[in-house]
Protein backbone atom coordinates (compact mmCIF):
# COMPACT_ATOMS: atom_id res chain seq x y z
CA MET A 1 -11.70 40.43 12.49
CA ILE A 2 -10.61 36.64 11.23
CA PRO A 3 -10.31 36.80 7.79
CA MET A 4 -12.73 34.70 5.90
CA LYS A 5 -9.92 32.67 4.24
CA LYS A 6 -8.80 31.46 7.45
CA ILE A 7 -12.35 30.98 8.64
CA THR A 8 -12.98 28.62 5.68
CA ILE A 9 -9.53 26.71 6.36
CA VAL A 10 -10.82 26.28 10.04
CA LEU A 11 -14.35 25.38 9.07
CA HIS A 12 -12.99 22.34 6.32
CA LEU A 13 -10.34 21.06 9.13
CA PHE A 14 -13.31 20.91 11.68
CA LEU A 15 -15.49 19.17 8.78
CA SER A 16 -12.61 16.54 8.15
CA ILE A 17 -12.22 15.88 11.79
CA SER A 18 -15.76 15.07 12.42
CA LEU A 19 -16.17 13.09 9.49
CA PHE A 20 -13.17 11.16 10.45
CA SER A 21 -14.48 10.50 13.89
CA GLN A 22 -17.79 9.23 12.68
CA GLN A 23 -15.93 6.26 10.94
CA ILE A 24 -14.38 5.42 14.14
CA ILE A 25 -15.44 2.20 16.54
CA ASN A 26 -14.33 2.01 20.17
CA HIS A 27 -14.15 -1.51 21.21
CA THR A 28 -13.30 -3.65 24.14
CA ILE A 29 -11.69 -6.82 23.70
CA ASP A 30 -12.45 -9.05 26.88
CA SER A 31 -9.14 -11.06 26.20
CA TYR A 32 -8.69 -14.93 27.40
CA GLU A 33 -5.12 -14.35 26.53
CA LEU A 34 -4.11 -11.55 28.71
CA ASP A 35 -6.91 -12.11 31.43
CA GLU A 36 -8.09 -8.73 31.03
CA LYS A 37 -10.22 -6.25 28.91
CA ARG A 38 -8.29 -3.91 26.44
CA GLU A 39 -9.64 -0.99 24.56
CA VAL A 40 -9.12 -0.56 20.74
CA ARG A 41 -10.25 1.58 18.12
CA ILE A 42 -11.23 0.49 14.65
CA TYR A 43 -10.94 2.67 11.18
CA LEU A 44 -13.25 1.92 8.65
CA PRO A 45 -12.82 3.33 5.16
CA ALA A 46 -15.76 5.77 3.81
CA SER A 47 -16.48 3.25 1.42
CA TYR A 48 -17.07 0.10 3.92
CA ASN A 49 -20.89 0.44 3.89
CA GLU A 50 -21.25 1.18 0.12
CA ASP A 51 -19.50 -1.62 -1.41
CA THR A 52 -20.32 -5.15 0.43
CA GLU A 53 -18.15 -7.22 -1.48
CA ARG A 54 -15.03 -5.52 -1.29
CA GLN A 55 -11.80 -6.39 0.95
CA TYR A 56 -9.57 -4.24 2.63
CA PRO A 57 -6.02 -4.38 3.78
CA LEU A 58 -5.69 -4.45 7.48
CA THR A 59 -3.22 -2.66 9.67
CA VAL A 60 -2.44 -3.04 13.84
CA VAL A 61 -1.13 0.01 14.99
CA LEU A 62 0.73 -0.03 18.32
CA ASP A 63 0.90 2.82 20.88
CA ALA A 64 -2.54 3.68 19.55
CA GLU A 65 -2.90 6.79 21.78
CA TYR A 66 -0.36 8.65 19.54
CA LEU A 67 0.19 6.63 16.58
CA PHE A 68 -3.29 5.96 15.71
CA ASP A 69 -4.56 9.32 14.08
CA VAL A 70 -1.21 9.90 12.42
CA TYR A 71 -1.48 6.58 10.62
CA VAL A 72 -5.22 7.15 9.55
CA GLY A 73 -4.89 10.36 8.44
CA ASN A 74 -1.97 9.29 6.15
CA ALA A 75 -4.07 6.42 4.98
CA ILE A 76 -6.93 8.88 4.10
CA LEU A 77 -4.81 11.09 2.30
CA PHE A 78 -2.97 8.36 0.48
CA ALA A 79 -6.15 6.48 -0.65
CA GLN A 80 -7.91 9.87 -1.62
CA LYS A 81 -4.49 10.47 -4.05
CA ASP A 82 -4.99 7.07 -5.29
CA LYS A 83 -1.45 6.19 -4.01
CA ALA A 84 -2.66 3.34 -1.39
CA PRO A 85 -5.85 1.45 -1.28
CA GLU A 86 -8.34 2.03 1.81
CA GLN A 87 -7.49 0.03 4.81
CA ILE A 88 -9.31 -1.20 7.82
CA ILE A 89 -7.13 -0.05 11.08
CA ILE A 90 -6.92 -1.25 14.64
CA GLY A 91 -5.23 0.64 16.96
CA ILE A 92 -4.44 -0.70 20.41
CA ASN A 93 -4.00 1.60 23.28
CA GLN A 94 -1.19 0.57 25.45
CA ASN A 95 0.19 4.16 27.30
CA TYR A 96 -1.36 3.85 30.80
CA ASN A 97 -0.17 2.53 33.90
CA ASP A 98 3.14 1.50 32.06
CA ILE A 99 1.61 -1.17 30.21
CA ARG A 100 3.08 -0.84 27.15
CA TYR A 101 6.05 -2.19 29.07
CA ARG A 102 4.48 -5.30 30.43
CA ASP A 103 3.07 -5.75 26.52
CA CYS A 104 6.46 -5.22 24.63
CA ALA A 105 9.17 -6.57 27.25
CA PHE A 106 11.99 -8.64 26.05
CA ASP A 107 14.54 -10.53 27.67
CA LYS A 108 17.95 -9.06 27.22
CA ASN A 109 19.57 -12.43 27.36
CA THR A 110 17.56 -14.35 24.84
CA SER A 111 15.81 -11.40 23.09
CA TYR A 112 12.75 -13.34 22.75
CA PRO A 113 9.02 -11.71 24.47
CA THR A 114 8.98 -12.43 28.45
CA GLY A 115 6.21 -14.12 29.90
CA LYS A 116 3.71 -11.10 29.90
CA SER A 117 4.69 -10.18 26.52
CA GLU A 118 4.04 -13.39 24.86
CA SER A 119 0.68 -13.40 26.35
CA PHE A 120 0.27 -10.05 24.13
CA TYR A 121 1.62 -11.62 21.30
CA ARG A 122 -0.93 -14.47 21.38
CA PHE A 123 -3.65 -11.81 22.22
CA ILE A 124 -2.89 -9.90 18.49
CA ARG A 125 -2.23 -13.22 16.82
CA SER A 126 -5.26 -15.25 18.11
CA GLU A 127 -7.79 -12.62 19.18
CA VAL A 128 -6.99 -9.31 17.61
CA LEU A 129 -6.81 -10.91 14.02
CA ALA A 130 -9.17 -13.23 14.44
CA TYR A 131 -11.72 -10.99 15.70
CA LEU A 132 -11.04 -8.78 12.38
CA LYS A 133 -11.51 -11.56 10.28
CA GLU A 134 -14.69 -12.57 12.04
CA ASN A 135 -16.58 -9.30 12.06
CA TYR A 136 -14.82 -7.14 8.83
CA ARG A 137 -13.93 -7.46 5.60
CA VAL A 138 -10.15 -8.10 5.60
CA SER A 139 -7.75 -8.82 2.67
CA PRO A 140 -4.93 -11.37 3.49
CA PHE A 141 -2.52 -8.33 3.40
CA ARG A 142 -1.68 -7.04 6.96
CA THR A 143 0.60 -4.29 8.12
CA ILE A 144 2.08 -3.66 12.04
CA VAL A 145 3.24 -0.43 13.36
CA GLY A 146 5.18 0.30 16.28
CA ASN A 147 7.29 2.77 17.27
CA THR A 148 10.46 2.53 19.76
CA LEU A 149 9.78 -0.43 22.31
CA THR A 150 6.68 -1.62 20.50
CA ALA A 151 8.45 -1.33 17.26
CA ASN A 152 11.19 -4.05 18.38
CA PHE A 153 7.83 -5.91 19.47
CA THR A 154 6.46 -6.14 15.89
CA ASN A 155 9.72 -8.00 14.60
CA TYR A 156 8.36 -11.00 16.45
CA PHE A 157 5.62 -11.71 13.78
CA PHE A 158 8.34 -11.71 11.63
CA ILE A 159 10.98 -13.63 12.79
CA GLU A 160 8.52 -16.52 13.07
CA ASP A 161 8.44 -19.50 10.79
CA SER A 162 5.21 -18.48 8.82
CA PRO A 163 4.92 -14.36 9.43
CA GLY A 164 1.82 -13.16 10.62
CA PHE A 165 2.00 -9.88 8.61
CA ASN A 166 3.31 -8.74 5.21
CA ALA A 167 4.45 -5.18 6.06
CA PHE A 168 6.38 -3.89 9.37
CA ILE A 169 6.85 -0.29 10.08
CA ASN A 170 9.80 0.02 12.39
CA ILE A 171 9.91 3.81 13.56
CA ASN A 172 12.77 4.45 15.92
CA PRO A 173 12.84 1.02 17.25
CA ASN A 174 14.52 0.05 20.39
CA TYR A 175 15.90 -3.57 19.22
CA ALA A 176 16.46 -6.33 21.59
CA PRO A 177 20.31 -7.21 21.18
CA ASP A 178 19.94 -10.16 18.99
CA MET A 179 17.24 -8.79 16.88
CA SER A 180 19.37 -8.05 13.94
CA SER A 181 20.41 -11.54 13.25
CA LEU A 182 17.08 -12.82 13.77
CA LEU A 183 15.89 -10.69 11.39
CA VAL A 184 18.36 -11.43 8.89
CA SER A 185 18.00 -15.15 9.14
CA ASN A 186 14.35 -14.59 8.25
CA ALA A 187 14.75 -11.82 5.34
CA GLN A 188 16.93 -14.09 3.88
CA ASN A 189 15.09 -16.94 3.70
CA VAL A 190 11.31 -15.91 3.19
CA SER A 191 9.93 -17.16 0.01
CA LYS A 192 6.11 -17.73 -0.18
CA ASN A 193 5.00 -14.57 -0.09
CA SER A 194 6.28 -10.85 -0.68
CA TYR A 195 7.54 -9.01 2.51
CA TYR A 196 7.93 -5.23 3.08
CA TYR A 197 10.14 -3.75 5.59
CA TYR A 198 10.41 -0.27 6.76
CA LEU A 199 13.12 1.25 9.42
CA ASN A 200 14.09 4.81 10.13
CA GLY A 201 16.65 6.26 12.37
CA GLY A 202 18.30 9.83 13.17
CA ASP A 203 20.68 11.62 14.87
CA TYR A 204 17.96 12.49 17.91
CA ILE A 205 18.21 8.89 18.85
CA SER A 206 20.56 7.71 21.96
CA GLU A 207 23.88 6.28 20.67
CA LYS A 208 23.14 2.66 21.97
CA ARG A 209 19.87 2.57 20.12
CA ALA A 210 21.29 4.01 17.11
CA LYS A 211 24.09 1.36 16.88
CA GLY A 212 21.85 -1.03 16.74
CA ILE A 213 19.65 0.38 14.20
CA ALA A 214 22.96 1.01 12.23
CA ALA A 215 23.71 -2.42 12.20
CA THR A 216 20.51 -3.96 11.60
CA ASN A 217 20.33 -1.33 8.25
CA SER A 218 23.78 -2.46 7.21
CA GLN A 219 22.57 -6.22 7.34
CA LEU A 220 19.12 -6.13 5.69
CA ALA A 221 20.12 -3.73 3.15
CA SER A 222 22.58 -6.24 1.72
CA ILE A 223 20.07 -8.98 1.51
CA LYS A 224 19.49 -10.19 -1.96
CA ASN A 225 15.88 -11.72 -1.86
CA GLU A 226 13.15 -10.55 -4.13
CA LYS A 227 10.77 -11.61 -1.92
CA PHE A 228 11.80 -9.55 0.88
CA ASN A 229 11.77 -5.75 0.29
CA TYR A 230 13.62 -3.28 2.62
CA LYS A 231 13.57 0.77 2.86
CA TYR A 232 15.76 2.51 5.30
CA ASP A 233 15.12 6.08 6.17
CA ASP A 234 17.73 8.75 8.17
CA LEU A 235 15.67 11.28 9.24
CA SER A 236 18.49 13.29 10.83
CA GLY A 237 17.60 16.48 11.52
CA SER A 238 14.31 15.47 13.11
CA THR A 239 13.27 14.56 16.53
CA SER A 240 11.62 11.66 17.90
CA ILE A 241 7.91 13.12 17.93
CA SER A 242 8.53 14.66 14.26
CA SER A 243 9.98 11.57 13.16
CA ILE A 244 7.08 9.90 13.22
CA GLY A 245 5.14 12.17 11.27
CA GLN A 246 7.64 11.80 8.55
CA ALA A 247 8.03 8.09 8.61
CA ILE A 248 4.39 7.21 8.31
CA PRO A 249 3.97 8.39 5.12
CA ARG A 250 7.46 7.14 3.35
CA ALA A 251 6.35 3.74 4.48
CA LEU A 252 3.15 4.05 3.14
CA ALA A 253 4.56 5.13 -0.17
CA PHE A 254 7.16 2.29 -0.08
CA ILE A 255 4.90 -0.37 0.89
CA PHE A 256 1.87 0.40 -1.52
CA LYS A 257 4.07 1.62 -4.41
CA ILE A 258 2.87 -1.44 -6.30
CA TYR A 259 -0.71 -0.26 -6.03
CA SER A 260 0.12 3.58 -6.94
CA SER A 261 0.44 4.69 -10.62
CA ILE A 262 3.81 3.95 -12.61
CA SER A 263 6.33 7.02 -11.62
CA LYS A 264 9.42 8.31 -13.24
CA GLN A 265 11.43 6.41 -11.06
CA GLU A 266 9.59 2.58 -11.90
CA PHE A 267 9.65 3.51 -15.64
CA ASN A 268 13.18 4.43 -16.08
CA THR A 269 14.50 1.45 -13.66
CA LYS A 270 11.89 -1.24 -14.40
CA ILE A 271 9.91 -0.64 -18.06
CA LYS A 272 11.71 1.71 -20.36
CA ASP A 273 14.35 -0.86 -21.90
CA LEU A 274 11.34 -3.57 -21.83
CA SER A 275 10.09 -5.44 -25.29
CA PRO A 276 6.61 -4.46 -26.10
CA GLN A 277 5.58 -7.74 -25.03
CA ASP A 278 7.30 -7.35 -21.75
CA ALA A 279 6.00 -4.26 -20.97
CA ILE A 280 2.08 -5.49 -21.54
CA ALA A 281 2.85 -8.47 -19.14
CA TYR A 282 4.29 -5.89 -16.36
CA LEU A 283 1.33 -3.53 -16.54
CA GLU A 284 -0.92 -6.50 -16.05
CA ASN A 285 1.03 -8.12 -13.61
CA LYS A 286 0.74 -4.53 -11.74
CA TYR A 287 -2.61 -4.64 -11.50
CA VAL A 288 -3.58 -8.28 -10.99
CA ASP A 289 -0.76 -8.62 -8.33
CA SER A 290 -2.24 -5.41 -6.31
CA GLU A 291 -5.77 -7.08 -6.39
CA PHE A 292 -4.37 -10.18 -5.11
CA LEU A 293 -2.44 -8.51 -2.38
CA PHE A 294 -4.90 -6.00 -1.35
CA GLY A 295 -8.11 -7.44 -2.19
CA THR A 296 -8.92 -4.44 -4.50
CA ASN A 297 -7.97 -3.11 -7.45
CA PRO A 298 -7.91 0.34 -8.78
CA SER A 299 -9.60 0.97 -12.15
CA LEU A 300 -6.81 0.85 -14.80
CA ARG A 301 -5.40 4.44 -14.87
CA GLU A 302 -5.17 6.25 -18.16
CA ILE A 303 -1.61 7.32 -17.29
CA ASP A 304 -0.14 4.12 -16.86
CA VAL A 305 -1.50 2.94 -20.29
CA TYR A 306 0.22 6.25 -21.70
CA ALA A 307 2.99 5.35 -19.81
CA ILE A 308 4.14 2.26 -21.95
CA GLU A 309 2.19 3.66 -24.96
CA SER A 310 5.42 4.70 -26.86
CA ILE A 311 6.99 1.24 -26.13
CA ILE A 312 4.15 -0.93 -27.83
CA ILE A 313 3.95 1.89 -30.62
CA ASP A 314 7.73 2.38 -31.49
CA LYS A 315 9.21 -0.90 -30.90
CA GLU A 316 8.77 -3.66 -33.08
CA ASN A 317 6.85 -2.02 -35.71
CA GLY A 318 3.60 -2.01 -33.34
CA ASP A 319 3.40 -5.79 -33.71
CA TYR A 320 1.83 -5.74 -30.17
CA LEU A 321 -0.99 -3.09 -30.52
CA ARG A 322 -3.68 -5.54 -30.33
CA ASP A 323 -2.29 -7.34 -27.87
CA PHE A 324 -2.06 -3.92 -25.54
CA GLY A 325 -5.47 -3.32 -26.35
CA GLU A 326 -6.96 -6.71 -25.51
CA MET A 327 -4.82 -6.85 -22.30
CA ILE A 328 -6.72 -3.57 -21.27
CA ALA A 329 -10.02 -5.04 -21.86
CA ARG A 330 -9.35 -7.57 -19.73
CA LEU A 331 -8.39 -4.92 -17.03
CA SER A 332 -11.26 -2.54 -17.89
CA PRO A 333 -13.86 -3.92 -19.93
CA LYS A 334 -15.91 -0.76 -19.90
CA SER A 335 -12.72 1.40 -21.16
CA HIS A 336 -12.94 2.70 -25.00
CA LEU A 337 -8.88 2.53 -24.70
CA GLY A 338 -8.61 -1.34 -25.55
CA ASP A 339 -10.73 -0.76 -28.60
CA TYR A 340 -8.66 2.46 -29.46
CA TYR A 341 -5.45 -0.06 -29.64
CA ILE A 342 -7.09 -2.67 -31.26
CA GLY A 343 -8.02 -0.16 -33.79
CA LEU A 344 -4.98 1.17 -34.34
CA SER A 345 -3.52 -2.15 -34.49
CA PHE A 346 -5.74 -2.75 -37.81
CA GLU A 347 -5.57 0.56 -39.16
CA MET A 348 -1.60 0.24 -39.27
CA LYS A 349 -1.80 -3.50 -41.09
CA GLY A 350 -4.52 -1.39 -43.48
CA SER A 351 -7.15 -3.76 -42.23
CA TYR A 352 -9.55 -0.70 -42.26
CA LYS A 353 -12.88 -2.43 -41.95
CA ARG A 354 -11.90 -4.02 -38.67
CA ALA A 355 -10.29 -1.01 -37.65
CA ILE A 356 -13.63 1.08 -38.21
CA GLU A 357 -15.43 -1.54 -36.06
CA ALA A 358 -13.09 -1.59 -33.05
CA TYR A 359 -13.35 2.20 -33.13
CA LYS A 360 -16.94 2.30 -33.46
CA GLU A 361 -16.79 -0.10 -30.47
CA GLY A 362 -14.53 2.16 -28.02
CA TYR A 363 -16.60 5.31 -29.51
CA MET A 364 -20.12 3.77 -27.84
CA LYS A 365 -18.41 3.06 -24.61
CA ILE A 366 -17.82 6.73 -24.14
CA LYS A 367 -20.62 8.13 -21.99
CA ASN A 368 -21.30 11.62 -20.61
CA SER A 369 -18.35 13.11 -22.30
CA PRO A 370 -19.54 14.70 -25.82
CA ASP A 371 -16.19 16.10 -26.56
CA ASN A 372 -14.19 13.03 -25.54
CA ALA A 373 -16.75 11.11 -27.98
CA GLU A 374 -16.34 13.88 -30.92
CA ARG A 375 -12.90 13.50 -30.64
CA PHE A 376 -12.84 9.41 -30.59
CA TYR A 377 -15.07 9.59 -33.55
CA GLN A 378 -12.17 11.21 -35.69
CA ASN A 379 -10.57 7.87 -35.72
CA VAL A 380 -13.27 6.39 -37.67
CA GLU A 381 -13.67 9.39 -39.89
CA ARG A 382 -9.85 9.11 -40.78
CA VAL A 383 -9.92 5.14 -41.78
CA ALA A 384 -12.87 5.92 -43.82
CA LYS A 385 -11.49 8.57 -45.88
CA LYS A 386 -8.61 5.72 -46.47
CA MET A 387 -10.91 3.23 -47.77
CA ASN A 388 -12.41 5.90 -50.33
């Protein structure tokens, strides 16, 4: 007899897969550039039909037959854990009749696409992206994902004058001979937008390919350009297959780190030594930049507020508490936290009447939580005693 716990797990997995499959649209693009029809799969987030104003970052996945489901599964998990925004994801099928080699071939003498792969480049640039922009609410932030040969191909969108994507996930790439120098040249000079480049390698890769990856990593890692964000992972000990499942979540964590809550590492390396004024600006910019890049902004997280609270209270006599509260009110007008810090600012300065007004304002915003409301009202009672 199968244990009930295992039945529950299997049933949950089945239901998850069923819900997942209901959000996939199979579509055929009749391509002028390729002079043929191409099959694609489009994943729409669960919230897509609920919020008709919201925009979503877009990801293009090459080698979709085996990369698409892995990427979508990780994207769902990251969004559910509030580590990345929900995404619209399109997968382009390429693994039949050796078509991926036609799509992504490069000239060994020039390192640029051959005639057929130039057509595939234009197919993505002018047809796939245009179709998605016209038919779905996509934000300006775009990611492209490839593995081995298709990973190399993604780079042609980076080395152009105006990169067609913001983030590039290169899984075990099979680099063209001069790709390293082409990448370095553009990475040094990008200035208009921020770009994210993820690369991985490992001891399971052939010696020739490994040398190309190592050389590229060495050069990209040395670039000093704040607009070029780079991460390399050595996945030695994995295999060519298992490395895919490791690389994608690592890449997502890297690309969307600005979206996720403040980590210990982020606090220790970027925040803890800031002045109160700069810490407030840092937190506000984190959310504003997230909305600008991804077309959506997470609700202000209390964990982020508490992460910098001590800086605001302990440094410079708490003089920036009111600025802190006003910043929170701008980002999250319905939150009681902004009123709390404004009230605390007045209380510390002895302006008890104004402190009570601010605390009462915050108290009125607490809904459906009597215990929290009662605890919050203790601020009013504490200040009222000081007035007597």
